[in-house]
Amino acid sequence: MIEKTIAIKAKLVDEAANKFKEAVSVVIVDYRGLTVDEVTNLRKQLRGANVEMNVIKNSILIRAVEKADLDGLQDIFKGPTAVAFSKEDVVAPAKIIADFAKNVDALEVKGGVIEGKPASIEEINALATLPNREGLLSMLLSVLQAPVRNVAYALNAVADSKDEVA
């Protein structure tokens, strides 16, 4: 019986370690004091952005981060812990959780992982202030269009000045 329990826990550790390794962004939160409706609403918002949120035992998480070579996170696994994993968007979990925490004081960010490196609360909060992927792509496109737009304005000004001379 004990061997079966150990095997089950080892499998849980492996699954959690793989999630940490595969994720581009992980946000770890203390959800103590949230109602069931609030947790359900948060999970729904995260799912909409392809972010998976799990409540995992701290002992499993400690072993998982050790297996995933994420030193420095072991100390934050105290109290009720929920972990949001994103495989696609680095900003999404931090942004959604930060926005949710503005309305719900009970939700507290403990730390996280950004592109395979442990991140502090401050780094997660800074990440939350960045625009999402679409916003960043829009900004990049705007920057790339600026030189072309300037050339078009210059050519138009030259054409206008020649019309005035003629």
Protein backbone atom coordinates (compact mmCIF):
# COMPACT_ATOMS: atom_id res chain seq x y z
CA MET A 1 0.00 0.00 0.00
CA ILE A 2 2.77 2.44 0.90
CA GLU A 3 4.69 1.60 -2.27
CA LYS A 4 1.58 2.35 -4.34
CA THR A 5 1.18 5.73 -2.61
CA ILE A 6 4.85 6.55 -3.19
CA ALA A 7 4.48 5.65 -6.88
CA ILE A 8 1.42 7.90 -7.20
CA LYS A 9 3.25 10.80 -5.53
CA ALA A 10 6.31 10.25 -7.74
CA LYS A 11 4.06 10.45 -10.79
CA LEU A 12 2.53 13.72 -9.50
CA VAL A 13 6.02 15.14 -8.96
CA ASP A 14 7.03 14.17 -12.50
CA GLU A 15 3.89 15.74 -13.98
CA ALA A 16 4.40 18.99 -12.04
CA ALA A 17 8.11 19.11 -12.96
CA ASN A 18 7.22 18.67 -16.64
CA LYS A 19 4.68 21.49 -16.40
CA PHE A 20 7.35 23.77 -14.90
CA LYS A 21 9.80 22.82 -17.67
CA GLU A 22 7.31 23.24 -20.53
CA ALA A 23 5.80 26.51 -19.35
CA VAL A 24 7.08 29.86 -20.62
CA SER A 25 5.50 31.53 -17.61
CA VAL A 26 4.35 30.31 -14.22
CA VAL A 27 2.65 32.38 -11.51
CA ILE A 28 2.38 30.98 -8.00
CA VAL A 29 -0.35 32.41 -5.75
CA ASP A 30 -1.81 32.08 -2.28
CA TYR A 31 -5.55 31.73 -2.75
CA ARG A 32 -6.47 31.62 0.95
CA GLY A 33 -9.69 33.54 1.56
CA LEU A 34 -11.10 33.23 -1.95
CA THR A 35 -14.63 31.95 -2.31
CA VAL A 36 -15.43 29.04 -4.60
CA ASP A 37 -17.10 31.45 -7.04
CA GLU A 38 -13.99 33.66 -7.12
CA VAL A 39 -11.68 30.70 -7.77
CA THR A 40 -14.04 29.44 -10.49
CA ASN A 41 -14.10 32.89 -12.11
CA LEU A 42 -10.29 33.15 -11.99
CA ARG A 43 -9.89 29.68 -13.53
CA LYS A 44 -12.37 30.62 -16.28
CA GLN A 45 -10.41 33.78 -17.13
CA LEU A 46 -7.12 31.85 -17.17
CA ARG A 47 -8.58 29.06 -19.32
CA GLY A 48 -9.70 31.70 -21.83
CA ALA A 49 -6.03 32.63 -22.28
CA ASN A 50 -4.87 28.96 -22.47
CA VAL A 51 -3.43 29.10 -18.97
CA GLU A 52 -3.81 26.05 -16.72
CA MET A 53 -4.29 26.63 -12.99
CA ASN A 54 -3.78 23.79 -10.52
CA VAL A 55 -3.87 23.48 -6.76
CA ILE A 56 -0.98 21.21 -5.87
CA LYS A 57 0.32 20.08 -2.48
CA ASN A 58 3.37 22.02 -1.34
CA SER A 59 5.41 18.87 -0.76
CA ILE A 60 4.81 17.84 -4.39
CA LEU A 61 5.70 21.34 -5.62
CA ILE A 62 8.94 21.44 -3.62
CA ARG A 63 10.08 18.16 -5.16
CA ALA A 64 8.89 19.25 -8.63
CA VAL A 65 10.87 22.51 -8.66
CA GLU A 66 13.95 20.64 -7.44
CA LYS A 67 13.51 18.14 -10.27
CA ALA A 68 13.02 21.02 -12.76
CA ASP A 69 16.22 22.74 -11.47
CA LEU A 70 14.39 25.84 -10.27
CA ASP A 71 16.33 26.62 -7.10
CA GLY A 72 15.03 29.40 -4.90
CA LEU A 73 11.34 28.62 -5.14
CA GLN A 74 11.15 26.07 -2.33
CA ASP A 75 10.63 28.75 0.35
CA ILE A 76 7.43 30.15 -1.16
CA PHE A 77 5.50 26.88 -0.92
CA LYS A 78 3.78 27.55 2.40
CA GLY A 79 0.05 27.73 2.92
CA PRO A 80 -2.57 27.15 0.22
CA THR A 81 -0.83 27.29 -3.16
CA ALA A 82 -2.22 27.48 -6.66
CA VAL A 83 0.00 27.48 -9.75
CA ALA A 84 -0.88 28.98 -13.14
CA PHE A 85 1.08 27.48 -16.07
CA SER A 86 1.23 29.09 -19.52
CA LYS A 87 2.88 27.31 -22.44
CA GLU A 88 2.16 30.08 -24.98
CA ASP A 89 2.01 33.61 -23.57
CA VAL A 90 4.55 34.86 -21.04
CA VAL A 91 2.42 37.81 -19.95
CA ALA A 92 -1.06 36.24 -19.77
CA PRO A 93 -1.02 34.54 -16.34
CA ALA A 94 0.63 37.48 -14.59
CA LYS A 95 -1.70 40.01 -16.24
CA ILE A 96 -4.90 38.06 -15.54
CA ILE A 97 -3.96 37.33 -11.94
CA ALA A 98 -2.86 40.94 -11.29
CA ASP A 99 -6.13 42.27 -12.76
CA PHE A 100 -8.11 39.77 -10.71
CA ALA A 101 -6.18 40.66 -7.52
CA LYS A 102 -7.16 44.35 -7.93
CA ASN A 103 -10.76 43.38 -7.18
CA VAL A 104 -10.05 40.54 -4.74
CA ASP A 105 -7.69 41.40 -1.88
CA ALA A 106 -7.38 37.78 -0.72
CA LEU A 107 -5.37 36.71 -3.79
CA GLU A 108 -1.64 37.13 -3.21
CA VAL A 109 1.18 36.49 -5.70
CA LYS A 110 4.03 34.51 -4.11
CA GLY A 111 6.42 34.37 -7.07
CA GLY A 112 6.83 32.47 -10.28
CA VAL A 113 8.95 31.38 -13.21
CA ILE A 114 9.64 33.40 -16.35
CA GLU A 115 11.14 31.48 -19.27
CA GLY A 116 12.74 28.84 -17.06
CA LYS A 117 14.13 31.17 -14.38
CA PRO A 118 12.68 31.81 -10.92
CA ALA A 119 11.02 35.22 -10.63
CA SER A 120 10.26 37.36 -7.60
CA ILE A 121 6.94 38.99 -6.79
CA GLU A 122 8.27 42.29 -8.18
CA GLU A 123 9.25 40.66 -11.48
CA ILE A 124 5.83 39.03 -11.82
CA ASN A 125 4.11 42.36 -11.09
CA ALA A 126 6.34 44.11 -13.65
CA LEU A 127 5.46 41.44 -16.19
CA ALA A 128 1.76 42.07 -15.48
CA THR A 129 2.13 45.71 -16.55
CA LEU A 130 3.40 44.76 -20.01
CA PRO A 131 0.94 44.61 -22.88
CA ASN A 132 -0.10 41.15 -24.04
CA ARG A 133 1.39 39.45 -27.12
CA GLU A 134 -1.00 41.14 -29.54
CA GLY A 135 -0.25 44.54 -28.02
CA LEU A 136 3.50 43.98 -28.29
CA LEU A 137 3.16 42.85 -31.92
CA SER A 138 1.08 45.94 -32.67
CA MET A 139 3.77 48.16 -31.14
CA LEU A 140 6.45 46.40 -33.17
CA LEU A 141 4.46 46.80 -36.37
CA SER A 142 3.99 50.49 -35.62
CA VAL A 143 7.74 50.93 -35.14
CA LEU A 144 8.48 49.08 -38.37
CA GLN A 145 5.96 51.18 -40.30
CA ALA A 146 7.33 54.51 -39.06
CA PRO A 147 10.29 54.77 -41.52
CA VAL A 148 8.06 53.89 -44.48
CA ARG A 149 5.47 56.41 -43.34
CA ASN A 150 8.17 59.11 -42.98
CA VAL A 151 9.46 58.45 -46.50
CA ALA A 152 5.89 58.70 -47.82
CA TYR A 153 5.41 62.03 -46.04
CA ALA A 154 8.72 63.34 -47.43
CA LEU A 155 7.82 62.30 -50.98
CA ASN A 156 4.40 63.87 -50.60
CA ALA A 157 5.98 67.12 -49.34
CA VAL A 158 8.39 67.16 -52.32
CA ALA A 159 5.49 66.58 -54.71
CA ASP A 160 3.45 69.35 -53.09
CA SER A 161 6.35 71.82 -53.27
CA LYS A 162 6.87 71.05 -56.98
CA ASP A 163 3.12 71.62 -57.62
CA GLU A 164 3.35 75.01 -55.91
CA VAL A 165 6.40 75.99 -58.02
CA ALA A 166 4.68 74.95 -61.24
